[in-house]
Amino acid sequence: MVRWDVDAFIQQVQNKQLLPESIIKELCEKTKEVLVQEGNVRLVSAPVTLVGDVHGQFFDVLEIFRIGGFCPNTNYVFLGDYVDRGYYSVETITLLTCLKLRYPDRVTLVRGNHESRAVTQTYGFYAECQRKYGNSNVWTYFTDMFDYLVLSVIIDDAIFCVHGGLSPSLHTIDQIRVIDRFREIPHDGPMADLVWSDPISQPVGGLGQLPVPGATLADDNKGDFMVSPRGAGYMFGKEVTRKFLEVNGLGHICRAHQLCHEGYQILFDDMLSTVWSAPNYCYRAGNMASVLEIGPGLERFFNVFGPCPEQERDIAAFAVAAGGTPPVGNNPRDVAMMMMMENMDMALGEVDYLDMLVAGNGDSAGAVGSGGVVNGTGLGGVLNGNGNGAGQGSQGSERGRKRRFGGRGGLRGGMAQGNFASAGTGMVLKGNAVVEVMDNMVAPVRNMTKVVDEYFM
């Protein structure tokens, strides 16, 4: 029988050794006993370091601790999305759970949209648990624990922290406090909005956060919420943000949830910021990452970093051993494809979680696989390469890391059709506008048209 020693477990996980299934079960049960005592809105004091999405990129999590300091020397708030997509989701959530149990007052774990049974069955965590433990028990232990994670944090009565964003159903902090969080994330409602919503953003100059198709600069000043093209949550602008902060006597919102090429972005006259903590996302996006260090006087500093060298050594070998494909590097074609697919995730992906899959019926669109690939008029044609823009079933993408475009000449076929439709939003981009959108999605690639032509021709 293994002796119970959380410090020893932390050391073991840091050395990339899996804990026994029985230990994982007890670890989750003990952590739930800690989490149940925390409210939906946890109060935290500065100084503290905020960490955005890490998505199973375990070596980068270790790099974060090397950069920001290890517990208990540094207080941490992790803003969710600990699992899926990366190869080391089990190690990542195991380490963070051990740290939460060992230092409950120093570590806060906020729930993200990927801390969900439905999402983790699609985007990698479930399959990883099956592969590493031979059954789904560990997945069950962790996903049951996810139901206990807090929904938000307030730092020194001034900074509101959440994974996704705001909700039209939530005007005050007290309304968040009374949500029944001890359950699976629902398909809609205020709890879903907190983990799924996004600010409307169109960066001007620089790389910054990837834009969401359909959003414009004018949208930043809208007072109302907009339906999110993700299929869950809402999009909100500057005026909504200002009102929420004013009503609750706060000064800033910090959230995660969206890939930022430079690792972070500041929006709405410094009222809101996004922090992203998974460098070279999915081991091929080529982006930077950051953690947000908040000082004793609430001064904010984004500590930007890139992927750690250890990751570069181990990931390719692990991918092959896991039955996947090794990363192929950050050449322009890979960056272009990865960033375009990620933007589809941002705008349209993961809606299959909401059972919104529609099989190419002309004007409808649905999500397939990890890339959030859409089947339907225009975009279905782009992906399936049938030249007429009509997608069929789930042929637009392979699952997981193997996703690629399914045909040659399809991009031009989809452009000829002239429609670029998304699920449930009525958003349409016309004709060659698709080239401009793609160029905005992948700012590092200066000549996107040439890159795409080389890829498809």
Protein backbone atom coordinates (compact mmCIF):
# COMPACT_ATOMS: atom_id res chain seq x y z
CA MET A 1 0.00 0.00 0.00
CA VAL A 2 1.31 3.45 -0.98
CA ARG A 3 1.93 5.78 1.95
CA TRP A 4 -0.09 9.00 1.81
CA ASP A 5 2.40 11.83 1.27
CA VAL A 6 1.29 14.74 -0.92
CA ASP A 7 4.81 16.20 -1.08
CA ALA A 8 6.07 12.88 -2.41
CA PHE A 9 3.23 12.79 -4.93
CA ILE A 10 4.13 16.28 -6.16
CA GLN A 11 7.75 15.24 -6.63
CA GLN A 12 6.70 12.07 -8.44
CA VAL A 13 4.46 13.93 -10.88
CA GLN A 14 7.13 16.55 -11.52
CA ASN A 15 9.36 13.68 -12.57
CA LYS A 16 6.70 12.66 -15.12
CA GLN A 17 5.62 9.57 -13.18
CA LEU A 18 1.93 8.70 -13.03
CA LEU A 19 0.33 8.22 -9.62
CA PRO A 20 -1.50 4.94 -8.96
CA GLU A 21 -5.21 4.93 -9.70
CA SER A 22 -6.06 4.42 -6.03
CA ILE A 23 -4.06 7.53 -5.11
CA ILE A 24 -5.80 9.57 -7.80
CA LYS A 25 -9.17 8.53 -6.38
CA GLU A 26 -8.25 9.55 -2.84
CA LEU A 27 -6.57 12.71 -4.08
CA CYS A 28 -9.76 13.83 -5.83
CA GLU A 29 -11.94 12.97 -2.84
CA LYS A 30 -9.76 14.94 -0.45
CA THR A 31 -9.57 17.88 -2.84
CA LYS A 32 -13.36 17.95 -3.14
CA GLU A 33 -13.52 18.32 0.64
CA VAL A 34 -11.37 21.45 0.29
CA LEU A 35 -13.20 22.86 -2.73
CA VAL A 36 -16.67 22.44 -1.26
CA GLN A 37 -15.75 24.95 1.43
CA GLU A 38 -14.95 27.62 -1.18
CA GLY A 39 -17.69 29.83 -2.57
CA ASN A 40 -18.48 30.38 -6.22
CA VAL A 41 -16.55 33.65 -5.95
CA ARG A 42 -13.27 33.21 -4.11
CA LEU A 43 -11.61 36.24 -2.53
CA VAL A 44 -7.85 36.36 -3.07
CA SER A 45 -5.25 38.90 -1.94
CA ALA A 46 -2.37 40.27 -4.01
CA PRO A 47 0.40 39.60 -4.80
CA VAL A 48 -0.79 36.75 -6.99
CA THR A 49 0.02 35.27 -10.39
CA LEU A 50 -2.78 34.48 -12.86
CA VAL A 51 -2.37 31.59 -15.31
CA GLY A 52 -4.53 31.15 -18.40
CA ASP A 53 -5.26 28.02 -20.44
CA VAL A 54 -2.53 25.36 -20.28
CA HIS A 55 -4.37 22.50 -22.05
CA GLY A 56 -2.26 19.57 -20.94
CA GLN A 57 1.07 21.12 -21.95
CA PHE A 58 2.78 19.78 -18.84
CA PHE A 59 6.33 20.90 -19.59
CA ASP A 60 5.10 24.43 -20.09
CA VAL A 61 3.34 24.28 -16.71
CA LEU A 62 6.69 23.35 -15.14
CA GLU A 63 8.20 26.28 -17.02
CA ILE A 64 5.55 28.57 -15.51
CA PHE A 65 6.66 27.54 -12.03
CA ARG A 66 10.30 28.10 -12.96
CA ILE A 67 9.43 31.58 -14.20
CA GLY A 68 6.95 32.65 -11.55
CA GLY A 69 8.15 30.70 -8.54
CA PHE A 70 6.96 27.44 -7.09
CA CYS A 71 4.32 27.03 -4.41
CA PRO A 72 4.13 28.13 -1.65
CA ASN A 73 6.51 30.97 -2.52
CA THR A 74 4.04 32.34 -5.09
CA ASN A 75 0.25 32.55 -4.89
CA TYR A 76 -1.47 31.26 -8.04
CA VAL A 77 -4.90 31.56 -9.62
CA PHE A 78 -5.33 29.13 -12.53
CA LEU A 79 -8.14 30.26 -14.83
CA GLY A 80 -9.23 26.88 -16.19
CA ASP A 81 -8.77 24.62 -19.22
CA TYR A 82 -6.16 22.39 -17.63
CA VAL A 83 -6.86 19.38 -19.86
CA ASP A 84 -7.47 18.39 -23.50
CA ARG A 85 -5.44 18.94 -26.65
CA GLY A 86 -2.00 18.56 -25.05
CA TYR A 87 -0.37 15.16 -24.56
CA TYR A 88 -0.03 15.43 -20.77
CA SER A 89 -3.44 16.33 -19.43
CA VAL A 90 -3.26 13.62 -16.76
CA GLU A 91 0.07 14.85 -15.42
CA THR A 92 -1.04 18.48 -15.59
CA ILE A 93 -4.29 18.12 -13.64
CA THR A 94 -2.67 15.67 -11.21
CA LEU A 95 0.05 18.18 -10.34
CA LEU A 96 -2.37 21.08 -9.97
CA THR A 97 -4.70 18.99 -7.81
CA CYS A 98 -1.82 17.96 -5.56
CA LEU A 99 -0.77 21.58 -5.20
CA LYS A 100 -4.32 22.63 -4.37
CA LEU A 101 -4.56 19.98 -1.68
CA ARG A 102 -1.10 20.76 -0.29
CA TYR A 103 -1.44 24.57 -0.38
CA PRO A 104 -5.20 25.29 -0.37
CA ASP A 105 -4.74 28.97 0.56
CA ARG A 106 -2.02 29.55 -2.03
CA VAL A 107 -3.58 27.88 -5.08
CA THR A 108 -6.98 28.60 -6.64
CA LEU A 109 -8.41 26.48 -9.45
CA VAL A 110 -11.14 28.15 -11.53
CA ARG A 111 -13.38 26.06 -13.76
CA GLY A 112 -13.04 26.41 -17.53
CA ASN A 113 -15.26 25.14 -20.32
CA HIS A 114 -12.98 22.10 -20.75
CA GLU A 115 -13.53 21.02 -17.14
CA SER A 116 -16.57 19.15 -18.38
CA ARG A 117 -17.48 15.53 -19.04
CA ALA A 118 -18.90 16.28 -22.47
CA VAL A 119 -15.97 18.33 -23.75
CA THR A 120 -13.23 16.05 -22.36
CA GLN A 121 -14.76 13.05 -24.08
CA THR A 122 -14.19 14.78 -27.41
CA TYR A 123 -10.95 16.71 -27.04
CA GLY A 124 -8.49 14.21 -25.61
CA PHE A 125 -8.59 13.87 -21.82
CA TYR A 126 -10.88 10.85 -21.78
CA ALA A 127 -8.80 9.01 -24.39
CA GLU A 128 -5.59 9.88 -22.55
CA CYS A 129 -6.89 8.44 -19.28
CA GLN A 130 -7.93 5.28 -21.10
CA ARG A 131 -4.51 4.98 -22.72
CA LYS A 132 -2.46 5.62 -19.59
CA TYR A 133 -4.54 3.71 -17.04
CA GLY A 134 -6.34 1.14 -19.17
CA ASN A 135 -9.80 2.32 -18.09
CA SER A 136 -11.86 5.47 -17.57
CA ASN A 137 -11.80 5.49 -13.76
CA VAL A 138 -9.24 8.29 -13.47
CA TRP A 139 -11.25 10.38 -15.92
CA THR A 140 -14.32 9.84 -13.74
CA TYR A 141 -12.49 10.86 -10.56
CA PHE A 142 -11.21 14.08 -12.07
CA THR A 143 -14.40 15.09 -13.89
CA ASP A 144 -16.37 14.54 -10.68
CA MET A 145 -13.90 16.86 -8.95
CA PHE A 146 -14.35 19.46 -11.71
CA ASP A 147 -17.92 19.97 -10.48
CA TYR A 148 -16.46 21.49 -7.29
CA LEU A 149 -14.12 24.05 -8.89
CA VAL A 150 -14.90 27.71 -8.21
CA LEU A 151 -16.42 29.85 -10.95
CA SER A 152 -14.57 33.12 -10.36
CA VAL A 153 -12.12 35.06 -8.22
CA ILE A 154 -11.98 38.63 -6.96
CA ILE A 155 -8.55 40.03 -6.10
CA ASP A 156 -8.53 42.72 -3.38
CA ASP A 157 -12.08 43.85 -4.24
CA ALA A 158 -10.76 45.24 -7.52
CA ILE A 159 -10.03 42.59 -10.19
CA PHE A 160 -12.66 40.08 -11.30
CA CYS A 161 -11.20 36.84 -12.70
CA VAL A 162 -13.15 34.26 -14.70
CA HIS A 163 -12.39 31.73 -17.40
CA GLY A 164 -14.64 33.03 -20.18
CA GLY A 165 -16.58 36.21 -19.63
CA LEU A 166 -19.81 37.92 -18.66
CA SER A 167 -23.46 36.89 -18.89
CA PRO A 168 -26.65 38.85 -19.63
CA SER A 169 -28.18 36.97 -16.68
CA LEU A 170 -25.55 38.15 -14.19
CA HIS A 171 -25.39 41.81 -13.23
CA THR A 172 -23.91 41.53 -9.75
CA ILE A 173 -21.33 39.40 -7.98
CA ASP A 174 -24.00 38.25 -5.55
CA GLN A 175 -25.86 36.61 -8.44
CA ILE A 176 -22.76 34.54 -9.19
CA ARG A 177 -22.52 33.52 -5.54
CA VAL A 178 -25.93 31.80 -5.58
CA ILE A 179 -25.37 29.65 -8.71
CA ASP A 180 -25.54 25.91 -8.08
CA ARG A 181 -22.11 25.01 -9.43
CA PHE A 182 -21.84 21.42 -8.18
CA ARG A 183 -22.83 19.80 -11.46
CA GLU A 184 -21.87 19.34 -15.08
CA ILE A 185 -21.64 22.62 -16.99
CA PRO A 186 -25.11 23.15 -18.52
CA HIS A 187 -25.69 23.89 -22.20
CA ASP A 188 -26.82 27.43 -21.46
CA GLY A 189 -27.53 29.81 -18.62
CA PRO A 190 -25.30 31.95 -16.39
CA MET A 191 -22.91 29.16 -15.39
CA ALA A 192 -22.29 28.26 -19.03
CA ASP A 193 -21.82 31.94 -19.91
CA LEU A 194 -19.06 32.39 -17.33
CA VAL A 195 -16.96 29.65 -18.93
CA TRP A 196 -17.86 30.18 -22.60
CA SER A 197 -18.32 33.93 -23.28
CA ASP A 198 -15.82 36.17 -25.09
CA PRO A 199 -15.20 39.90 -25.44
CA ILE A 200 -15.68 41.31 -28.91
CA SER A 201 -12.27 42.23 -30.24
CA GLN A 202 -10.69 43.35 -33.47
CA PRO A 203 -7.05 44.22 -32.78
CA VAL A 204 -5.59 47.17 -34.65
CA GLY A 205 -1.91 46.66 -35.50
CA GLY A 206 0.38 44.03 -34.01
CA LEU A 207 -0.50 40.37 -33.65
CA GLY A 208 -2.58 40.28 -30.49
CA GLN A 209 -5.62 38.14 -30.01
CA LEU A 210 -7.06 36.43 -33.04
CA PRO A 211 -10.21 38.20 -34.25
CA VAL A 212 -13.58 36.46 -34.20
CA PRO A 213 -15.20 36.41 -37.65
CA GLY A 214 -18.13 38.79 -37.85
CA ALA A 215 -16.96 41.17 -35.12
CA THR A 216 -16.08 44.73 -36.04
CA LEU A 217 -14.47 47.66 -34.32
CA ALA A 218 -17.88 49.30 -33.96
CA ASP A 219 -19.11 46.30 -31.95
CA ASP A 220 -16.76 47.22 -29.09
CA ASN A 221 -19.07 50.05 -28.10
CA LYS A 222 -22.35 48.13 -28.23
CA GLY A 223 -24.28 48.05 -25.01
CA ASP A 224 -25.95 44.69 -25.58
CA PHE A 225 -24.73 41.11 -25.64
CA MET A 226 -24.44 39.28 -28.95
CA VAL A 227 -25.05 35.60 -29.65
CA SER A 228 -21.68 33.86 -29.71
CA PRO A 229 -20.69 32.00 -32.88
CA ARG A 230 -19.15 29.38 -30.57
CA GLY A 231 -22.67 28.05 -30.02
CA ALA A 232 -22.42 28.66 -26.26
CA GLY A 233 -22.09 31.78 -24.15
CA TYR A 234 -22.22 35.32 -25.51
CA MET A 235 -20.02 38.01 -26.98
CA PHE A 236 -19.88 41.29 -25.09
CA GLY A 237 -18.33 44.67 -25.68
CA LYS A 238 -16.88 47.69 -23.98
CA GLU A 239 -20.11 49.14 -22.62
CA VAL A 240 -21.23 45.84 -21.08
CA THR A 241 -17.82 45.54 -19.43
CA ARG A 242 -17.95 49.09 -18.09
CA LYS A 243 -21.42 48.61 -16.59
CA PHE A 244 -20.47 45.35 -14.87
CA LEU A 245 -17.39 46.91 -13.30
CA GLU A 246 -19.29 50.03 -12.25
CA VAL A 247 -22.20 48.16 -10.67
CA ASN A 248 -19.87 45.91 -8.69
CA GLY A 249 -17.30 48.52 -7.70
CA LEU A 250 -14.48 46.78 -9.59
CA GLY A 251 -11.71 48.10 -11.78
CA HIS A 252 -10.68 45.31 -14.16
CA ILE A 253 -11.67 41.92 -15.57
CA CYS A 254 -9.06 39.26 -16.27
CA ARG A 255 -9.98 36.13 -18.20
CA ALA A 256 -8.48 33.38 -20.36
CA HIS A 257 -10.28 31.17 -22.93
CA GLN A 258 -8.90 32.68 -26.17
CA LEU A 259 -5.59 32.13 -27.92
CA CYS A 260 -3.46 35.31 -28.05
CA HIS A 261 -0.52 35.16 -30.42
CA GLU A 262 1.54 37.45 -28.21
CA GLY A 263 0.43 35.68 -25.01
CA TYR A 264 -2.00 38.33 -23.83
CA GLN A 265 -4.24 41.17 -24.92
CA ILE A 266 -5.66 44.26 -23.24
CA LEU A 267 -9.06 45.53 -24.38
CA PHE A 268 -11.67 48.21 -23.74
CA ASP A 269 -9.37 50.98 -22.48
CA ASP A 270 -7.65 48.64 -20.02
CA MET A 271 -10.90 47.43 -18.48
CA LEU A 272 -10.37 43.81 -19.59
CA SER A 273 -7.40 41.61 -20.34
CA THR A 274 -6.93 38.09 -21.69
CA VAL A 275 -4.06 35.89 -20.53
CA TRP A 276 -3.02 32.79 -22.47
CA SER A 277 -0.48 30.39 -20.93
CA ALA A 278 0.03 27.61 -23.50
CA PRO A 279 2.98 28.57 -25.74
CA ASN A 280 3.16 27.04 -29.20
CA TYR A 281 -0.40 25.84 -28.67
CA CYS A 282 -0.99 22.24 -29.72
CA TYR A 283 2.78 22.15 -30.34
CA ARG A 284 2.50 23.94 -33.66
CA ALA A 285 0.72 27.32 -33.42
CA GLY A 286 3.93 29.30 -32.87
CA ASN A 287 2.35 31.66 -30.32
CA MET A 288 3.89 33.10 -27.18
CA ALA A 289 2.32 32.69 -23.73
CA SER A 290 2.19 34.72 -20.54
CA VAL A 291 1.24 34.78 -16.88
CA LEU A 292 -0.19 37.91 -15.30
CA GLU A 293 1.66 38.95 -12.17
CA ILE A 294 -0.38 41.25 -9.94
CA GLY A 295 1.65 43.14 -7.35
CA PRO A 296 0.71 44.33 -3.86
CA GLY A 297 -0.54 47.64 -5.25
CA LEU A 298 -2.56 45.84 -7.99
CA GLU A 299 -0.01 46.79 -10.63
CA ARG A 300 -0.20 44.31 -13.52
CA PHE A 301 2.73 42.80 -15.42
CA PHE A 302 2.42 40.22 -18.20
CA ASN A 303 5.42 37.91 -17.98
CA VAL A 304 5.75 36.56 -21.52
CA PHE A 305 7.48 33.28 -22.32
CA GLY A 306 7.87 30.70 -25.08
CA PRO A 307 7.83 26.89 -25.09
CA CYS A 308 10.38 25.24 -22.84
CA PRO A 309 13.27 23.28 -24.43
CA GLU A 310 12.30 20.10 -22.56
CA GLN A 311 9.01 20.06 -24.41
CA GLU A 312 10.77 20.15 -27.77
CA ARG A 313 12.77 17.01 -26.85
CA ASP A 314 9.93 14.88 -25.55
CA ILE A 315 6.78 15.76 -27.47
CA ALA A 316 7.60 14.15 -30.83
CA ALA A 317 8.54 10.83 -29.24
CA PHE A 318 5.46 10.88 -27.06
CA ALA A 319 3.17 11.62 -30.00
CA VAL A 320 4.41 8.59 -31.89
CA ALA A 321 4.14 6.37 -28.80
CA ALA A 322 0.59 7.61 -28.24
CA GLY A 323 -0.42 6.69 -31.76
CA GLY A 324 -0.55 10.28 -33.00
CA THR A 325 1.59 12.25 -35.38
CA PRO A 326 4.63 14.24 -34.28
CA PRO A 327 4.53 18.01 -34.65
CA VAL A 328 5.98 19.17 -37.91
CA GLY A 329 7.40 22.49 -36.80
CA ASN A 330 6.47 26.12 -37.18
CA ASN A 331 6.96 26.62 -40.88
CA PRO A 332 4.47 29.06 -42.47
CA ARG A 333 2.16 26.38 -43.82
CA ASP A 334 1.79 24.66 -40.45
CA VAL A 335 1.29 27.95 -38.66
CA ALA A 336 -1.29 29.03 -41.23
CA MET A 337 -3.29 25.85 -41.01
CA MET A 338 -3.06 25.63 -37.23
CA MET A 339 -4.07 29.23 -36.62
CA MET A 340 -6.94 29.07 -39.09
CA MET A 341 -8.23 25.90 -37.44
CA GLU A 342 -7.84 27.45 -34.00
CA ASN A 343 -9.84 30.47 -35.08
CA MET A 344 -12.58 28.10 -36.20
CA ASP A 345 -12.41 26.60 -32.71
CA MET A 346 -12.77 30.07 -31.30
CA ALA A 347 -15.69 31.06 -33.46
CA LEU A 348 -17.42 27.82 -34.35
CA GLY A 349 -15.64 24.90 -32.72
CA GLU A 350 -16.80 22.79 -29.82
CA VAL A 351 -20.45 23.34 -30.63
CA ASP A 352 -20.77 19.60 -31.13
CA TYR A 353 -20.68 19.63 -27.33
CA LEU A 354 -24.14 21.20 -27.64
CA ASP A 355 -25.32 18.51 -30.06
CA MET A 356 -25.52 21.02 -32.90
CA LEU A 357 -23.92 18.85 -35.57
CA VAL A 358 -25.67 19.32 -38.89
CA ALA A 359 -24.62 17.33 -41.94
CA GLY A 360 -24.17 19.73 -44.84
CA ASN A 361 -27.73 20.76 -45.60
CA GLY A 362 -26.89 23.89 -47.52
CA ASP A 363 -27.39 26.82 -45.17
CA SER A 364 -26.68 25.13 -41.84
CA ALA A 365 -23.32 24.47 -40.26
CA GLY A 366 -22.03 22.10 -37.62
CA ALA A 367 -18.84 21.31 -35.79
CA VAL A 368 -16.75 18.19 -36.25
CA GLY A 369 -13.73 16.99 -34.31
CA SER A 370 -11.12 18.98 -32.50
CA GLY A 371 -10.80 21.60 -35.21
CA GLY A 372 -14.38 22.75 -34.98
CA VAL A 373 -14.59 22.17 -38.73
CA VAL A 374 -17.86 23.22 -40.28
CA ASN A 375 -19.93 21.41 -42.88
CA GLY A 376 -22.31 23.46 -44.97
CA THR A 377 -22.48 26.12 -47.62
CA GLY A 378 -19.14 27.73 -48.36
CA LEU A 379 -17.01 26.49 -45.52
CA GLY A 380 -17.94 22.89 -46.18
CA GLY A 381 -16.71 23.41 -49.69
CA VAL A 382 -13.47 24.87 -48.44
CA LEU A 383 -12.77 21.85 -46.29
CA ASN A 384 -14.12 19.02 -48.40
CA GLY A 385 -12.73 20.35 -51.64
CA ASN A 386 -15.76 19.48 -53.73
CA GLY A 387 -15.76 22.81 -55.48
CA ASN A 388 -19.44 23.61 -54.93
CA GLY A 389 -19.40 24.51 -51.25
CA ALA A 390 -21.69 21.73 -50.07
CA GLY A 391 -20.30 19.79 -47.13
CA GLN A 392 -21.25 16.17 -46.50
CA GLY A 393 -21.48 14.64 -43.02
CA SER A 394 -18.27 14.71 -41.04
CA GLN A 395 -15.87 14.40 -43.96
CA GLY A 396 -14.54 17.91 -43.50
CA SER A 397 -12.04 16.87 -40.85
CA GLU A 398 -10.22 14.00 -39.28
CA ARG A 399 -10.40 13.85 -35.50
CA GLY A 400 -7.77 15.25 -33.19
CA ARG A 401 -4.25 16.20 -34.30
CA LYS A 402 -4.60 14.45 -37.67
CA ARG A 403 -7.13 16.97 -38.94
CA ARG A 404 -6.34 18.35 -42.36
CA PHE A 405 -8.26 19.79 -45.25
CA GLY A 406 -9.98 17.05 -47.19
CA GLY A 407 -9.39 17.97 -50.81
CA ARG A 408 -7.48 19.98 -53.39
CA GLY A 409 -9.02 23.03 -55.00
CA GLY A 410 -11.71 23.19 -52.34
CA LEU A 411 -10.69 26.64 -51.16
CA ARG A 412 -11.28 28.12 -54.57
CA GLY A 413 -14.50 26.14 -54.91
CA GLY A 414 -15.79 27.52 -51.65
CA MET A 415 -14.79 31.04 -52.66
CA ALA A 416 -16.59 30.64 -55.96
CA GLN A 417 -19.73 29.69 -54.09
CA GLY A 418 -19.33 33.00 -52.26
CA ASN A 419 -20.86 32.16 -48.88
CA PHE A 420 -19.09 31.61 -45.58
CA ALA A 421 -21.77 30.55 -43.10
CA SER A 422 -21.57 29.86 -39.38
CA ALA A 423 -23.88 28.00 -37.03
CA GLY A 424 -26.84 29.95 -35.70
CA THR A 425 -25.47 33.46 -36.23
CA GLY A 426 -26.49 34.44 -39.74
CA MET A 427 -22.96 35.74 -40.24
CA VAL A 428 -21.93 35.70 -43.90
CA LEU A 429 -18.67 36.78 -45.49
CA LYS A 430 -18.71 37.18 -49.25
CA GLY A 431 -16.37 35.92 -51.95
CA ASN A 432 -12.72 36.82 -51.67
CA ALA A 433 -13.24 38.25 -48.19
CA VAL A 434 -12.22 34.80 -46.99
CA VAL A 435 -8.63 35.60 -47.98
CA GLU A 436 -8.64 38.79 -45.92
CA VAL A 437 -10.08 36.95 -42.92
CA MET A 438 -7.44 34.26 -43.17
CA ASP A 439 -4.71 36.89 -43.34
CA ASN A 440 -6.01 38.47 -40.14
CA MET A 441 -6.12 35.08 -38.47
CA VAL A 442 -2.45 34.40 -39.15
CA ALA A 443 -0.65 37.69 -38.78
CA PRO A 444 2.87 36.14 -38.83
CA VAL A 445 2.26 34.90 -42.37
CA ARG A 446 2.57 38.06 -44.43
CA ASN A 447 1.52 36.58 -47.74
CA MET A 448 -1.37 34.31 -46.81
CA THR A 449 -2.67 33.91 -50.34
CA LYS A 450 0.65 32.50 -51.51
CA VAL A 451 0.86 30.11 -48.56
CA VAL A 452 -2.66 28.79 -49.09
CA ASP A 453 -2.11 28.42 -52.83
CA GLU A 454 1.06 26.41 -52.24
CA TYR A 455 -0.81 24.18 -49.80
CA PHE A 456 -3.81 23.42 -52.00
CA MET A 457 -2.43 23.50 -55.53
